Amino acid sequence: MGRKSGQREVRKKLELAVAVSSLGLNCRECSKNKDLQKHRGCLKPTERVQYIFEGKEMYRCPAKFIMPEVKTYIEMYSQYKKGLLPFRGTITEQPTKLIDIFNILESAEVSAEKERVKNLNRS
């Protein structure tokens, strides 16, 4: 896998994580409710489409496809938006990779919000 391909894959994973966040899907919530797990496709694929992400039908909860490191980045980004940096130092002293990830997450959030507003206006 080339560098560009790897970067696209990371971007897609981060965009999926933002989409999951905007849907309000929370694995801790589902883990307490077996009916909800079954309905959302947490345990196994469902018979009907649960979600559509970038034109692809998903028969399982998309949160199942988010890797633990992506969840960590999301948490760091959440703290960053509150003004807390994940590592000691100023913003310019944060790892470049992390700032790149934050930029991707911010862009995905903006896109998700635009899509949400567009869908509201259609209603």
PDB file of N, CA and C in Angstrom:
ATOM      1  N   MET A   1       0.852  -1.182   0.000  1.00  0.00           N
ATOM      2  CA  MET A   1       0.000   0.000   0.000  1.00  0.00           C
ATOM      3  C   MET A   1       0.891   1.235   0.000  1.00  0.00           C
ATOM      4  N   GLY A   2       0.641   2.143  -0.928  1.00  0.00           N
ATOM      5  CA  GLY A   2       1.427   3.367  -1.016  1.00  0.00           C
ATOM      6  C   GLY A   2       1.024   4.367   0.044  1.00  0.00           C
ATOM      7  N   ARG A   3       1.837   5.403   0.175  1.00  0.00           N
ATOM      8  CA  ARG A   3       1.586   6.443   1.178  1.00  0.00           C
ATOM      9  C   ARG A   3       0.241   7.131   0.950  1.00  0.00           C
ATOM     10  N   LYS A   4      -0.058   7.483  -0.311  1.00  0.00           N
ATOM     11  CA  LYS A   4      -1.330   8.163  -0.625  1.00  0.00           C
ATOM     12  C   LYS A   4      -2.517   7.276  -0.287  1.00  0.00           C
ATOM     13  N   SER A   5      -2.411   5.991  -0.624  1.00  0.00           N
ATOM     14  CA  SER A   5      -3.486   5.047  -0.340  1.00  0.00           C
ATOM     15  C   SER A   5      -3.700   4.920   1.158  1.00  0.00           C
ATOM     16  N   GLY A   6      -2.618   4.870   1.904  1.00  0.00           N
ATOM     17  CA  GLY A   6      -2.701   4.784   3.361  1.00  0.00           C
ATOM     18  C   GLY A   6      -3.338   6.023   3.962  1.00  0.00           C
ATOM     19  N   GLN A   7      -2.998   7.182   3.409  1.00  0.00           N
ATOM     20  CA  GLN A   7      -3.580   8.432   3.900  1.00  0.00           C
ATOM     21  C   GLN A   7      -5.074   8.482   3.622  1.00  0.00           C
ATOM     22  N   ARG A   8      -5.486   7.994   2.444  1.00  0.00           N
ATOM     23  CA  ARG A   8      -6.922   7.959   2.115  1.00  0.00           C
ATOM     24  C   ARG A   8      -7.662   7.044   3.075  1.00  0.00           C
ATOM     25  N   GLU A   9      -7.052   5.912   3.398  1.00  0.00           N
ATOM     26  CA  GLU A   9      -7.681   4.964   4.310  1.00  0.00           C
ATOM     27  C   GLU A   9      -7.859   5.581   5.700  1.00  0.00           C
ATOM     28  N   VAL A  10      -6.835   6.275   6.181  1.00  0.00           N
ATOM     29  CA  VAL A  10      -6.927   6.947   7.485  1.00  0.00           C
ATOM     30  C   VAL A  10      -8.025   8.001   7.444  1.00  0.00           C
ATOM     31  N   ARG A  11      -8.061   8.789   6.361  1.00  0.00           N
ATOM     32  CA  ARG A  11      -9.087   9.826   6.218  1.00  0.00           C
ATOM     33  C   ARG A  11     -10.485   9.215   6.275  1.00  0.00           C
ATOM     34  N   LYS A  12     -10.700   8.105   5.568  1.00  0.00           N
ATOM     35  CA  LYS A  12     -12.014   7.444   5.548  1.00  0.00           C
ATOM     36  C   LYS A  12     -12.400   6.973   6.943  1.00  0.00           C
ATOM     37  N   LYS A  13     -11.444   6.401   7.671  1.00  0.00           N
ATOM     38  CA  LYS A  13     -11.730   5.931   9.029  1.00  0.00           C
ATOM     39  C   LYS A  13     -12.114   7.102   9.929  1.00  0.00           C
ATOM     40  N   LEU A  14     -11.407   8.212   9.790  1.00  0.00           N
ATOM     41  CA  LEU A  14     -11.712   9.386  10.603  1.00  0.00           C
ATOM     42  C   LEU A  14     -13.073   9.972  10.223  1.00  0.00           C
ATOM     43  N   GLU A  15     -13.369  10.008   8.935  1.00  0.00           N
ATOM     44  CA  GLU A  15     -14.669  10.522   8.491  1.00  0.00           C
ATOM     45  C   GLU A  15     -15.805   9.635   8.985  1.00  0.00           C
ATOM     46  N   LEU A  16     -15.582   8.331   8.975  1.00  0.00           N
ATOM     47  CA  LEU A  16     -16.589   7.411   9.504  1.00  0.00           C
ATOM     48  C   LEU A  16     -16.803   7.668  10.996  1.00  0.00           C
ATOM     49  N   ALA A  17     -15.725   7.897  11.709  1.00  0.00           N
ATOM     50  CA  ALA A  17     -15.835   8.160  13.152  1.00  0.00           C
ATOM     51  C   ALA A  17     -16.640   9.426  13.412  1.00  0.00           C
ATOM     52  N   VAL A  18     -16.436  10.457  12.595  1.00  0.00           N
ATOM     53  CA  VAL A  18     -17.216  11.691  12.749  1.00  0.00           C
ATOM     54  C   VAL A  18     -18.682  11.422  12.453  1.00  0.00           C
ATOM     55  N   ALA A  19     -18.944  10.638  11.406  1.00  0.00           N
ATOM     56  CA  ALA A  19     -20.333  10.303  11.067  1.00  0.00           C
ATOM     57  C   ALA A  19     -20.999   9.550  12.211  1.00  0.00           C
ATOM     58  N   VAL A  20     -20.288   8.610  12.804  1.00  0.00           N
ATOM     59  CA  VAL A  20     -20.825   7.855  13.937  1.00  0.00           C
ATOM     60  C   VAL A  20     -21.122   8.796  15.099  1.00  0.00           C
ATOM     61  N   SER A  21     -20.200   9.716  15.359  1.00  0.00           N
ATOM     62  CA  SER A  21     -20.414  10.684  16.436  1.00  0.00           C
ATOM     63  C   SER A  21     -21.649  11.535  16.178  1.00  0.00           C
ATOM     64  N   SER A  22     -21.822  11.948  14.929  1.00  0.00           N
ATOM     65  CA  SER A  22     -22.978  12.803  14.618  1.00  0.00           C
ATOM     66  C   SER A  22     -24.292  12.034  14.723  1.00  0.00           C
ATOM     67  N   LEU A  23     -24.229  10.707  14.590  1.00  0.00           N
ATOM     68  CA  LEU A  23     -25.433   9.883  14.746  1.00  0.00           C
ATOM     69  C   LEU A  23     -25.764   9.635  16.216  1.00  0.00           C
ATOM     70  N   GLY A  24     -24.829   9.943  17.086  1.00  0.00           N
ATOM     71  CA  GLY A  24     -25.043   9.722  18.510  1.00  0.00           C
ATOM     72  C   GLY A  24     -24.941   8.266  18.924  1.00  0.00           C
ATOM     73  N   LEU A  25     -24.247   7.469  18.131  1.00  0.00           N
ATOM     74  CA  LEU A  25     -24.090   6.050  18.470  1.00  0.00           C
ATOM     75  C   LEU A  25     -23.054   5.911  19.574  1.00  0.00           C
ATOM     76  N   ASN A  26     -23.420   5.189  20.609  1.00  0.00           N
ATOM     77  CA  ASN A  26     -22.558   5.044  21.768  1.00  0.00           C
ATOM     78  C   ASN A  26     -22.524   3.579  22.179  1.00  0.00           C
ATOM     79  N   CYS A  27     -21.381   2.952  22.036  1.00  0.00           N
ATOM     80  CA  CYS A  27     -21.262   1.518  22.337  1.00  0.00           C
ATOM     81  C   CYS A  27     -21.586   1.213  23.805  1.00  0.00           C
ATOM     82  N   ARG A  28     -21.246   2.126  24.694  1.00  0.00           N
ATOM     83  CA  ARG A  28     -21.552   1.889  26.117  1.00  0.00           C
ATOM     84  C   ARG A  28     -23.059   1.809  26.347  1.00  0.00           C
ATOM     85  N   GLU A  29     -23.804   2.650  25.628  1.00  0.00           N
ATOM     86  CA  GLU A  29     -25.267   2.656  25.740  1.00  0.00           C
ATOM     87  C   GLU A  29     -25.841   1.326  25.243  1.00  0.00           C
ATOM     88  N   CYS A  30     -25.361   0.889  24.095  1.00  0.00           N
ATOM     89  CA  CYS A  30     -25.868  -0.355  23.502  1.00  0.00           C
ATOM     90  C   CYS A  30     -25.499  -1.579  24.335  1.00  0.00           C
ATOM     91  N   SER A  31     -24.342  -1.548  24.967  1.00  0.00           N
ATOM     92  CA  SER A  31     -23.893  -2.723  25.724  1.00  0.00           C
ATOM     93  C   SER A  31     -24.836  -3.038  26.884  1.00  0.00           C
ATOM     94  N   LYS A  32     -25.657  -2.070  27.275  1.00  0.00           N
ATOM     95  CA  LYS A  32     -26.609  -2.270  28.373  1.00  0.00           C
ATOM     96  C   LYS A  32     -27.967  -2.766  27.887  1.00  0.00           C
ATOM     97  N   ASN A  33     -28.153  -2.834  26.561  1.00  0.00           N
ATOM     98  CA  ASN A  33     -29.475  -3.130  26.022  1.00  0.00           C
ATOM     99  C   ASN A  33     -29.364  -4.111  24.848  1.00  0.00           C
ATOM    100  N   LYS A  34     -29.640  -5.377  25.093  1.00  0.00           N
ATOM    101  CA  LYS A  34     -29.512  -6.421  24.057  1.00  0.00           C
ATOM    102  C   LYS A  34     -30.443  -6.166  22.867  1.00  0.00           C
ATOM    103  N   ASP A  35     -31.652  -5.648  23.118  1.00  0.00           N
ATOM    104  CA  ASP A  35     -32.569  -5.357  22.012  1.00  0.00           C
ATOM    105  C   ASP A  35     -32.005  -4.266  21.099  1.00  0.00           C
ATOM    106  N   LEU A  36     -31.418  -3.259  21.702  1.00  0.00           N
ATOM    107  CA  LEU A  36     -30.810  -2.179  20.926  1.00  0.00           C
ATOM    108  C   LEU A  36     -29.616  -2.708  20.125  1.00  0.00           C
ATOM    109  N   GLN A  37     -28.819  -3.578  20.736  1.00  0.00           N
ATOM    110  CA  GLN A  37     -27.688  -4.190  20.030  1.00  0.00           C
ATOM    111  C   GLN A  37     -28.169  -4.962  18.804  1.00  0.00           C
ATOM    112  N   LYS A  38     -29.245  -5.713  18.974  1.00  0.00           N
ATOM    113  CA  LYS A  38     -29.782  -6.500  17.870  1.00  0.00           C
ATOM    114  C   LYS A  38     -30.326  -5.576  16.775  1.00  0.00           C
ATOM    115  N   HIS A  39     -31.060  -4.551  17.178  1.00  0.00           N
ATOM    116  CA  HIS A  39     -31.669  -3.614  16.228  1.00  0.00           C
ATOM    117  C   HIS A  39     -30.618  -2.869  15.401  1.00  0.00           C
ATOM    118  N   ARG A  40     -29.552  -2.424  16.042  1.00  0.00           N
ATOM    119  CA  ARG A  40     -28.534  -1.629  15.361  1.00  0.00           C
ATOM    120  C   ARG A  40     -27.484  -2.472  14.627  1.00  0.00           C
ATOM    121  N   GLY A  41     -27.492  -3.768  14.875  1.00  0.00           N
ATOM    122  CA  GLY A  41     -26.502  -4.622  14.214  1.00  0.00           C
ATOM    123  C   GLY A  41     -25.170  -4.636  14.937  1.00  0.00           C
ATOM    124  N   CYS A  42     -25.216  -4.504  16.244  1.00  0.00           N
ATOM    125  CA  CYS A  42     -23.976  -4.498  17.026  1.00  0.00           C
ATOM    126  C   CYS A  42     -23.346  -5.891  17.101  1.00  0.00           C
ATOM    127  N   LEU A  43     -24.176  -6.898  17.224  1.00  0.00           N
ATOM    128  CA  LEU A  43     -23.678  -8.250  17.446  1.00  0.00           C
ATOM    129  C   LEU A  43     -23.430  -9.015  16.149  1.00  0.00           C
ATOM    130  N   LYS A  44     -24.299  -8.792  15.181  1.00  0.00           N
ATOM    131  CA  LYS A  44     -24.153  -9.438  13.874  1.00  0.00           C
ATOM    132  C   LYS A  44     -24.941  -8.617  12.856  1.00  0.00           C
ATOM    133  N   PRO A  45     -24.657  -8.823  11.572  1.00  0.00           N
ATOM    134  CA  PRO A  45     -25.381  -8.051  10.551  1.00  0.00           C
ATOM    135  C   PRO A  45     -26.894  -8.268  10.648  1.00  0.00           C
ATOM    136  N   THR A  46     -27.628  -7.224  10.352  1.00  0.00           N
ATOM    137  CA  THR A  46     -29.087  -7.301  10.353  1.00  0.00           C
ATOM    138  C   THR A  46     -29.573  -7.641   8.947  1.00  0.00           C
ATOM    139  N   GLU A  47     -30.855  -7.912   8.832  1.00  0.00           N
ATOM    140  CA  GLU A  47     -31.428  -8.240   7.517  1.00  0.00           C
ATOM    141  C   GLU A  47     -31.688  -6.992   6.682  1.00  0.00           C
ATOM    142  N   ARG A  48     -31.781  -5.854   7.330  1.00  0.00           N
ATOM    143  CA  ARG A  48     -32.052  -4.625   6.587  1.00  0.00           C
ATOM    144  C   ARG A  48     -30.892  -3.645   6.771  1.00  0.00           C
ATOM    145  N   VAL A  49     -30.804  -2.718   5.853  1.00  0.00           N
ATOM    146  CA  VAL A  49     -29.747  -1.717   5.897  1.00  0.00           C
ATOM    147  C   VAL A  49     -29.921  -0.858   7.150  1.00  0.00           C
ATOM    148  N   GLN A  50     -28.860  -0.703   7.907  1.00  0.00           N
ATOM    149  CA  GLN A  50     -28.901   0.117   9.113  1.00  0.00           C
ATOM    150  C   GLN A  50     -28.485   1.560   8.837  1.00  0.00           C
ATOM    151  N   TYR A  51     -27.439   1.711   8.027  1.00  0.00           N
ATOM    152  CA  TYR A  51     -26.879   3.027   7.740  1.00  0.00           C
ATOM    153  C   TYR A  51     -26.330   3.023   6.320  1.00  0.00           C
ATOM    154  N   ILE A  52     -26.196   4.209   5.773  1.00  0.00           N
ATOM    155  CA  ILE A  52     -25.533   4.366   4.483  1.00  0.00           C
ATOM    156  C   ILE A  52     -24.426   5.387   4.694  1.00  0.00           C
ATOM    157  N   PHE A  53     -23.206   4.989   4.370  1.00  0.00           N
ATOM    158  CA  PHE A  53     -22.051   5.869   4.514  1.00  0.00           C
ATOM    159  C   PHE A  53     -21.365   5.959   3.162  1.00  0.00           C
ATOM    160  N   GLU A  54     -21.324   7.178   2.624  1.00  0.00           N
ATOM    161  CA  GLU A  54     -20.714   7.437   1.319  1.00  0.00           C
ATOM    162  C   GLU A  54     -21.259   6.504   0.246  1.00  0.00           C
ATOM    163  N   GLY A  55     -22.568   6.307   0.263  1.00  0.00           N
ATOM    164  CA  GLY A  55     -23.236   5.495  -0.743  1.00  0.00           C
ATOM    165  C   GLY A  55     -23.167   3.991  -0.518  1.00  0.00           C
ATOM    166  N   LYS A  56     -22.471   3.558   0.519  1.00  0.00           N
ATOM    167  CA  LYS A  56     -22.354   2.131   0.795  1.00  0.00           C
ATOM    168  C   LYS A  56     -23.330   1.735   1.899  1.00  0.00           C
ATOM    169  N   GLU A  57     -24.081   0.676   1.637  1.00  0.00           N
ATOM    170  CA  GLU A  57     -25.035   0.182   2.623  1.00  0.00           C
ATOM    171  C   GLU A  57     -24.298  -0.579   3.713  1.00  0.00           C
ATOM    172  N   MET A  58     -24.713  -0.342   4.947  1.00  0.00           N
ATOM    173  CA  MET A  58     -24.095  -1.009   6.093  1.00  0.00           C
ATOM    174  C   MET A  58     -25.178  -1.772   6.847  1.00  0.00           C
ATOM    175  N   TYR A  59     -24.947  -3.027   7.079  1.00  0.00           N
ATOM    176  CA  TYR A  59     -25.899  -3.874   7.788  1.00  0.00           C
ATOM    177  C   TYR A  59     -25.507  -4.072   9.247  1.00  0.00           C
ATOM    178  N   ARG A  60     -24.444  -3.428   9.639  1.00  0.00           N
ATOM    179  CA  ARG A  60     -23.989  -3.459  11.022  1.00  0.00           C
ATOM    180  C   ARG A  60     -23.830  -2.027  11.497  1.00  0.00           C
ATOM    181  N   CYS A  61     -23.764  -1.872  12.783  1.00  0.00           N
ATOM    182  CA  CYS A  61     -23.514  -0.551  13.353  1.00  0.00           C
ATOM    183  C   CYS A  61     -22.140  -0.075  12.888  1.00  0.00           C
ATOM    184  N   PRO A  62     -22.044   1.128  12.332  1.00  0.00           N
ATOM    185  CA  PRO A  62     -20.747   1.602  11.850  1.00  0.00           C
ATOM    186  C   PRO A  62     -19.716   1.784  12.963  1.00  0.00           C
ATOM    187  N   ALA A  63     -20.172   1.909  14.199  1.00  0.00           N
ATOM    188  CA  ALA A  63     -19.228   2.047  15.311  1.00  0.00           C
ATOM    189  C   ALA A  63     -18.346   0.805  15.447  1.00  0.00           C
ATOM    190  N   LYS A  64     -18.828  -0.326  14.953  1.00  0.00           N
ATOM    191  CA  LYS A  64     -18.061  -1.566  15.013  1.00  0.00           C
ATOM    192  C   LYS A  64     -16.810  -1.509  14.143  1.00  0.00           C
ATOM    193  N   PHE A  65     -16.782  -0.598  13.183  1.00  0.00           N
ATOM    194  CA  PHE A  65     -15.671  -0.517  12.242  1.00  0.00           C
ATOM    195  C   PHE A  65     -14.622   0.518  12.651  1.00  0.00           C
ATOM    196  N   ILE A  66     -14.831   1.160  13.784  1.00  0.00           N
ATOM    197  CA  ILE A  66     -13.901   2.197  14.236  1.00  0.00           C
ATOM    198  C   ILE A  66     -12.843   1.558  15.131  1.00  0.00           C
ATOM    199  N   MET A  67     -11.604   1.696  14.722  1.00  0.00           N
ATOM    200  CA  MET A  67     -10.488   1.100  15.448  1.00  0.00           C
ATOM    201  C   MET A  67     -10.230   1.880  16.746  1.00  0.00           C
ATOM    202  N   PRO A  68      -9.679   1.216  17.759  1.00  0.00           N
ATOM    203  CA  PRO A  68      -9.420   1.887  19.035  1.00  0.00           C
ATOM    204  C   PRO A  68      -8.561   3.150  18.919  1.00  0.00           C
ATOM    205  N   GLU A  69      -7.556   3.143  18.041  1.00  0.00           N
ATOM    206  CA  GLU A  69      -6.711   4.338  17.921  1.00  0.00           C
ATOM    207  C   GLU A  69      -7.493   5.519  17.360  1.00  0.00           C
ATOM    208  N   VAL A  70      -8.472   5.244  16.503  1.00  0.00           N
ATOM    209  CA  VAL A  70      -9.310   6.324  15.968  1.00  0.00           C
ATOM    210  C   VAL A  70     -10.179   6.891  17.089  1.00  0.00           C
ATOM    211  N   LYS A  71     -10.681   6.027  17.944  1.00  0.00           N
ATOM    212  CA  LYS A  71     -11.468   6.503  19.093  1.00  0.00           C
ATOM    213  C   LYS A  71     -10.610   7.395  19.984  1.00  0.00           C
ATOM    214  N   THR A  72      -9.334   7.046  20.133  1.00  0.00           N
ATOM    215  CA  THR A  72      -8.410   7.872  20.920  1.00  0.00           C
ATOM    216  C   THR A  72      -8.230   9.238  20.265  1.00  0.00           C
ATOM    217  N   TYR A  73      -8.076   9.261  18.939  1.00  0.00           N
ATOM    218  CA  TYR A  73      -7.943  10.536  18.232  1.00  0.00           C
ATOM    219  C   TYR A  73      -9.193  11.390  18.400  1.00  0.00           C
ATOM    220  N   ILE A  74     -10.347  10.755  18.347  1.00  0.00           N
ATOM    221  CA  ILE A  74     -11.609  11.491  18.528  1.00  0.00           C
ATOM    222  C   ILE A  74     -11.652  12.116  19.923  1.00  0.00           C
ATOM    223  N   GLU A  75     -11.252  11.358  20.921  1.00  0.00           N
ATOM    224  CA  GLU A  75     -11.238  11.889  22.294  1.00  0.00           C
ATOM    225  C   GLU A  75     -10.248  13.050  22.414  1.00  0.00           C
ATOM    226  N   MET A  76      -9.065  12.890  21.820  1.00  0.00           N
ATOM    227  CA  MET A  76      -8.077  13.979  21.843  1.00  0.00           C
ATOM    228  C   MET A  76      -8.625  15.218  21.141  1.00  0.00           C
ATOM    229  N   TYR A  77      -9.299  15.011  20.021  1.00  0.00           N
ATOM    230  CA  TYR A  77      -9.867  16.127  19.261  1.00  0.00           C
ATOM    231  C   TYR A  77     -10.945  16.830  20.080  1.00  0.00           C
ATOM    232  N   SER A  78     -11.748  16.053  20.773  1.00  0.00           N
ATOM    233  CA  SER A  78     -12.787  16.625  21.626  1.00  0.00           C
ATOM    234  C   SER A  78     -12.166  17.526  22.697  1.00  0.00           C
ATOM    235  N   GLN A  79     -11.088  17.060  23.296  1.00  0.00           N
ATOM    236  CA  GLN A  79     -10.393  17.865  24.308  1.00  0.00           C
ATOM    237  C   GLN A  79      -9.730  19.095  23.672  1.00  0.00           C
ATOM    238  N   TYR A  80      -9.177  18.916  22.486  1.00  0.00           N
ATOM    239  CA  TYR A  80      -8.542  20.003  21.741  1.00  0.00           C
ATOM    240  C   TYR A  80      -9.550  21.122  21.471  1.00  0.00           C
ATOM    241  N   LYS A  81     -10.777  20.755  21.094  1.00  0.00           N
ATOM    242  CA  LYS A  81     -11.809  21.763  20.834  1.00  0.00           C
ATOM    243  C   LYS A  81     -12.165  22.539  22.094  1.00  0.00           C
ATOM    244  N   LYS A  82     -11.894  21.949  23.245  1.00  0.00           N
ATOM    245  CA  LYS A  82     -12.151  22.628  24.523  1.00  0.00           C
ATOM    246  C   LYS A  82     -10.942  23.440  24.978  1.00  0.00           C
ATOM    247  N   GLY A  83      -9.888  23.452  24.147  1.00  0.00           N
ATOM    248  CA  GLY A  83      -8.698  24.232  24.468  1.00  0.00           C
ATOM    249  C   GLY A  83      -7.597  23.461  25.171  1.00  0.00           C
ATOM    250  N   LEU A  84      -7.757  22.143  25.280  1.00  0.00           N
ATOM    251  CA  LEU A  84      -6.750  21.321  25.954  1.00  0.00           C
ATOM    252  C   LEU A  84      -5.909  20.572  24.923  1.00  0.00           C
ATOM    253  N   LEU A  85      -4.627  20.785  24.968  1.00  0.00           N
ATOM    254  CA  LEU A  85      -3.732  20.096  24.045  1.00  0.00           C
ATOM    255  C   LEU A  85      -3.333  18.741  24.619  1.00  0.00           C
ATOM    256  N   PRO A  86      -3.207  17.729  23.758  1.00  0.00           N
ATOM    257  CA  PRO A  86      -2.897  16.388  24.251  1.00  0.00           C
ATOM    258  C   PRO A  86      -1.479  16.226  24.788  1.00  0.00           C
ATOM    259  N   PHE A  87      -0.550  17.041  24.286  1.00  0.00           N
ATOM    260  CA  PHE A  87       0.838  16.928  24.730  1.00  0.00           C
ATOM    261  C   PHE A  87       1.329  18.263  25.260  1.00  0.00           C
ATOM    262  N   ARG A  88       2.352  18.207  26.072  1.00  0.00           N
ATOM    263  CA  ARG A  88       2.935  19.411  26.639  1.00  0.00           C
ATOM    264  C   ARG A  88       3.391  20.363  25.543  1.00  0.00           C
ATOM    265  N   GLY A  89       3.252  21.632  25.786  1.00  0.00           N
ATOM    266  CA  GLY A  89       3.725  22.626  24.837  1.00  0.00           C
ATOM    267  C   GLY A  89       2.586  23.346  24.140  1.00  0.00           C
ATOM    268  N   THR A  90       2.977  24.195  23.214  1.00  0.00           N
ATOM    269  CA  THR A  90       2.009  24.990  22.458  1.00  0.00           C
ATOM    270  C   THR A  90       1.486  24.177  21.280  1.00  0.00           C
ATOM    271  N   ILE A  91       0.572  24.777  20.534  1.00  0.00           N
ATOM    272  CA  ILE A  91       0.009  24.098  19.367  1.00  0.00           C
ATOM    273  C   ILE A  91       1.097  23.769  18.352  1.00  0.00           C
ATOM    274  N   THR A  92       2.079  24.636  18.221  1.00  0.00           N
ATOM    275  CA  THR A  92       3.152  24.383  17.248  1.00  0.00           C
ATOM    276  C   THR A  92       4.099  23.272  17.698  1.00  0.00           C
ATOM    277  N   GLU A  93       4.003  22.873  18.943  1.00  0.00           N
ATOM    278  CA  GLU A  93       4.856  21.796  19.461  1.00  0.00           C
ATOM    279  C   GLU A  93       4.145  20.436  19.484  1.00  0.00           C
ATOM    280  N   GLN A  94       2.911  20.414  19.025  1.00  0.00           N
ATOM    281  CA  GLN A  94       2.168  19.148  18.949  1.00  0.00           C
ATOM    282  C   GLN A  94       2.656  18.359  17.742  1.00  0.00           C
ATOM    283  N   PRO A  95       2.571  17.030  17.799  1.00  0.00           N
ATOM    284  CA  PRO A  95       3.022  16.233  16.645  1.00  0.00           C
ATOM    285  C   PRO A  95       2.265  16.614  15.363  1.00  0.00           C
ATOM    286  N   THR A  96       3.000  16.733  14.274  1.00  0.00           N
ATOM    287  CA  THR A  96       2.408  17.106  12.982  1.00  0.00           C
ATOM    288  C   THR A  96       1.302  16.140  12.582  1.00  0.00           C
ATOM    289  N   LYS A  97       1.533  14.853  12.791  1.00  0.00           N
ATOM    290  CA  LYS A  97       0.523  13.852  12.427  1.00  0.00           C
ATOM    291  C   LYS A  97      -0.784  14.121  13.172  1.00  0.00           C
ATOM    292  N   LEU A  98      -0.685  14.491  14.433  1.00  0.00           N
ATOM    293  CA  LEU A  98      -1.880  14.752  15.237  1.00  0.00           C
ATOM    294  C   LEU A  98      -2.630  15.978  14.719  1.00  0.00           C
ATOM    295  N   ILE A  99      -1.908  17.028  14.374  1.00  0.00           N
ATOM    296  CA  ILE A  99      -2.550  18.233  13.841  1.00  0.00           C
ATOM    297  C   ILE A  99      -3.208  17.915  12.502  1.00  0.00           C
ATOM    298  N   ASP A 100      -2.545  17.097  11.679  1.00  0.00           N
ATOM    299  CA  ASP A 100      -3.155  16.664  10.415  1.00  0.00           C
ATOM    300  C   ASP A 100      -4.465  15.926  10.671  1.00  0.00           C
ATOM    301  N   ILE A 101      -4.464  15.052  11.663  1.00  0.00           N
ATOM    302  CA  ILE A 101      -5.672  14.296  12.018  1.00  0.00           C
ATOM    303  C   ILE A 101      -6.766  15.247  12.508  1.00  0.00           C
ATOM    304  N   PHE A 102      -6.398  16.216  13.328  1.00  0.00           N
ATOM    305  CA  PHE A 102      -7.387  17.187  13.806  1.00  0.00           C
ATOM    306  C   PHE A 102      -7.986  17.968  12.636  1.00  0.00           C
ATOM    307  N   ASN A 103      -7.155  18.314  11.655  1.00  0.00           N
ATOM    308  CA  ASN A 103      -7.653  19.034  10.477  1.00  0.00           C
ATOM    309  C   ASN A 103      -8.637  18.181   9.681  1.00  0.00           C
ATOM    310  N   ILE A 104      -8.344  16.899   9.553  1.00  0.00           N
ATOM    311  CA  ILE A 104      -9.256  15.980   8.860  1.00  0.00           C
ATOM    312  C   ILE A 104     -10.574  15.884   9.626  1.00  0.00           C
ATOM    313  N   LEU A 105     -10.484  15.744  10.939  1.00  0.00           N
ATOM    314  CA  LEU A 105     -11.700  15.637  11.756  1.00  0.00           C
ATOM    315  C   LEU A 105     -12.532  16.908  11.669  1.00  0.00           C
ATOM    316  N   GLU A 106     -11.873  18.048  11.707  1.00  0.00           N
ATOM    317  CA  GLU A 106     -12.600  19.312  11.608  1.00  0.00           C
ATOM    318  C   GLU A 106     -13.299  19.426  10.256  1.00  0.00           C
ATOM    319  N   SER A 107     -12.612  19.077   9.195  1.00  0.00           N
ATOM    320  CA  SER A 107     -13.187  19.120   7.856  1.00  0.00           C
ATOM    321  C   SER A 107     -14.386  18.172   7.752  1.00  0.00           C
ATOM    322  N   ALA A 108     -14.244  16.979   8.318  1.00  0.00           N
ATOM    323  CA  ALA A 108     -15.346  16.004   8.289  1.00  0.00           C
ATOM    324  C   ALA A 108     -16.534  16.513   9.105  1.00  0.00           C
ATOM    325  N   GLU A 109     -16.265  17.167  10.219  1.00  0.00           N
ATOM    326  CA  GLU A 109     -17.354  17.741  11.027  1.00  0.00           C
ATOM    327  C   GLU A 109     -18.107  18.815  10.249  1.00  0.00           C
ATOM    328  N   VAL A 110     -17.369  19.676   9.586  1.00  0.00           N
ATOM    329  CA  VAL A 110     -17.988  20.746   8.798  1.00  0.00           C
ATOM    330  C   VAL A 110     -18.843  20.139   7.687  1.00  0.00           C
ATOM    331  N   SER A 111     -18.307  19.136   7.003  1.00  0.00           N
ATOM    332  CA  SER A 111     -19.058  18.479   5.926  1.00  0.00           C
ATOM    333  C   SER A 111     -20.324  17.810   6.465  1.00  0.00           C
ATOM    334  N   ALA A 112     -20.200  17.141   7.609  1.00  0.00           N
ATOM    335  CA  ALA A 112     -21.358  16.469   8.214  1.00  0.00           C
ATOM    336  C   ALA A 112     -22.421  17.487   8.611  1.00  0.00           C
ATOM    337  N   GLU A 113     -21.992  18.624   9.139  1.00  0.00           N
ATOM    338  CA  GLU A 113     -22.944  19.660   9.535  1.00  0.00           C
ATOM    339  C   GLU A 113     -23.645  20.250   8.313  1.00  0.00           C
ATOM    340  N   LYS A 114     -22.902  20.485   7.228  1.00  0.00           N
ATOM    341  CA  LYS A 114     -23.507  20.997   5.993  1.00  0.00           C
ATOM    342  C   LYS A 114     -24.541  20.001   5.463  1.00  0.00           C
ATOM    343  N   GLU A 115     -24.207  18.729   5.506  1.00  0.00           N
ATOM    344  CA  GLU A 115     -25.126  17.689   5.038  1.00  0.00           C
ATOM    345  C   GLU A 115     -26.382  17.647   5.908  1.00  0.00           C
ATOM    346  N   ARG A 116     -26.197  17.794   7.221  1.00  0.00           N
ATOM    347  CA  ARG A 116     -27.328  17.785   8.147  1.00  0.00           C
ATOM    348  C   ARG A 116     -28.254  18.961   7.849  1.00  0.00           C
ATOM    349  N   VAL A 117     -27.693  20.131   7.654  1.00  0.00           N
ATOM    350  CA  VAL A 117     -28.486  21.330   7.367  1.00  0.00           C
ATOM    351  C   VAL A 117     -29.210  21.172   6.023  1.00  0.00           C
ATOM    352  N   LYS A 118     -28.513  20.640   5.036  1.00  0.00           N
ATOM    353  CA  LYS A 118     -29.120  20.414   3.723  1.00  0.00           C
ATOM    354  C   LYS A 118     -30.310  19.480   3.840  1.00  0.00           C
ATOM    355  N   ASN A 119     -30.152  18.416   4.625  1.00  0.00           N
ATOM    356  CA  ASN A 119     -31.258  17.463   4.823  1.00  0.00           C
ATOM    357  C   ASN A 119     -32.417  18.084   5.580  1.00  0.00           C
ATOM    358  N   LEU A 120     -32.125  18.963   6.534  1.00  0.00           N
ATOM    359  CA  LEU A 120     -33.189  19.664   7.264  1.00  0.00           C
ATOM    360  C   LEU A 120     -33.976  20.576   6.329  1.00  0.00           C
ATOM    361  N   ASN A 121     -33.268  21.229   5.421  1.00  0.00           N
ATOM    362  CA  ASN A 121     -33.916  22.156   4.492  1.00  0.00           C
ATOM    363  C   ASN A 121     -34.808  21.412   3.500  1.00  0.00           C
ATOM    364  N   ARG A 122     -34.506  20.155   3.233  1.00  0.00           N
ATOM    365  CA  ARG A 122     -35.335  19.346   2.333  1.00  0.00           C
ATOM    366  C   ARG A 122     -36.653  18.959   2.994  1.00  0.00           C
ATOM    367  N   SER A 123     -36.632  18.881   4.309  1.00  0.00           N
ATOM    368  CA  SER A 123     -37.823  18.415   5.034  1.00  0.00           C
ATOM    369  C   SER A 123     -38.922  19.433   5.054  1.00  0.00           C
TER     370      SER A 123
END
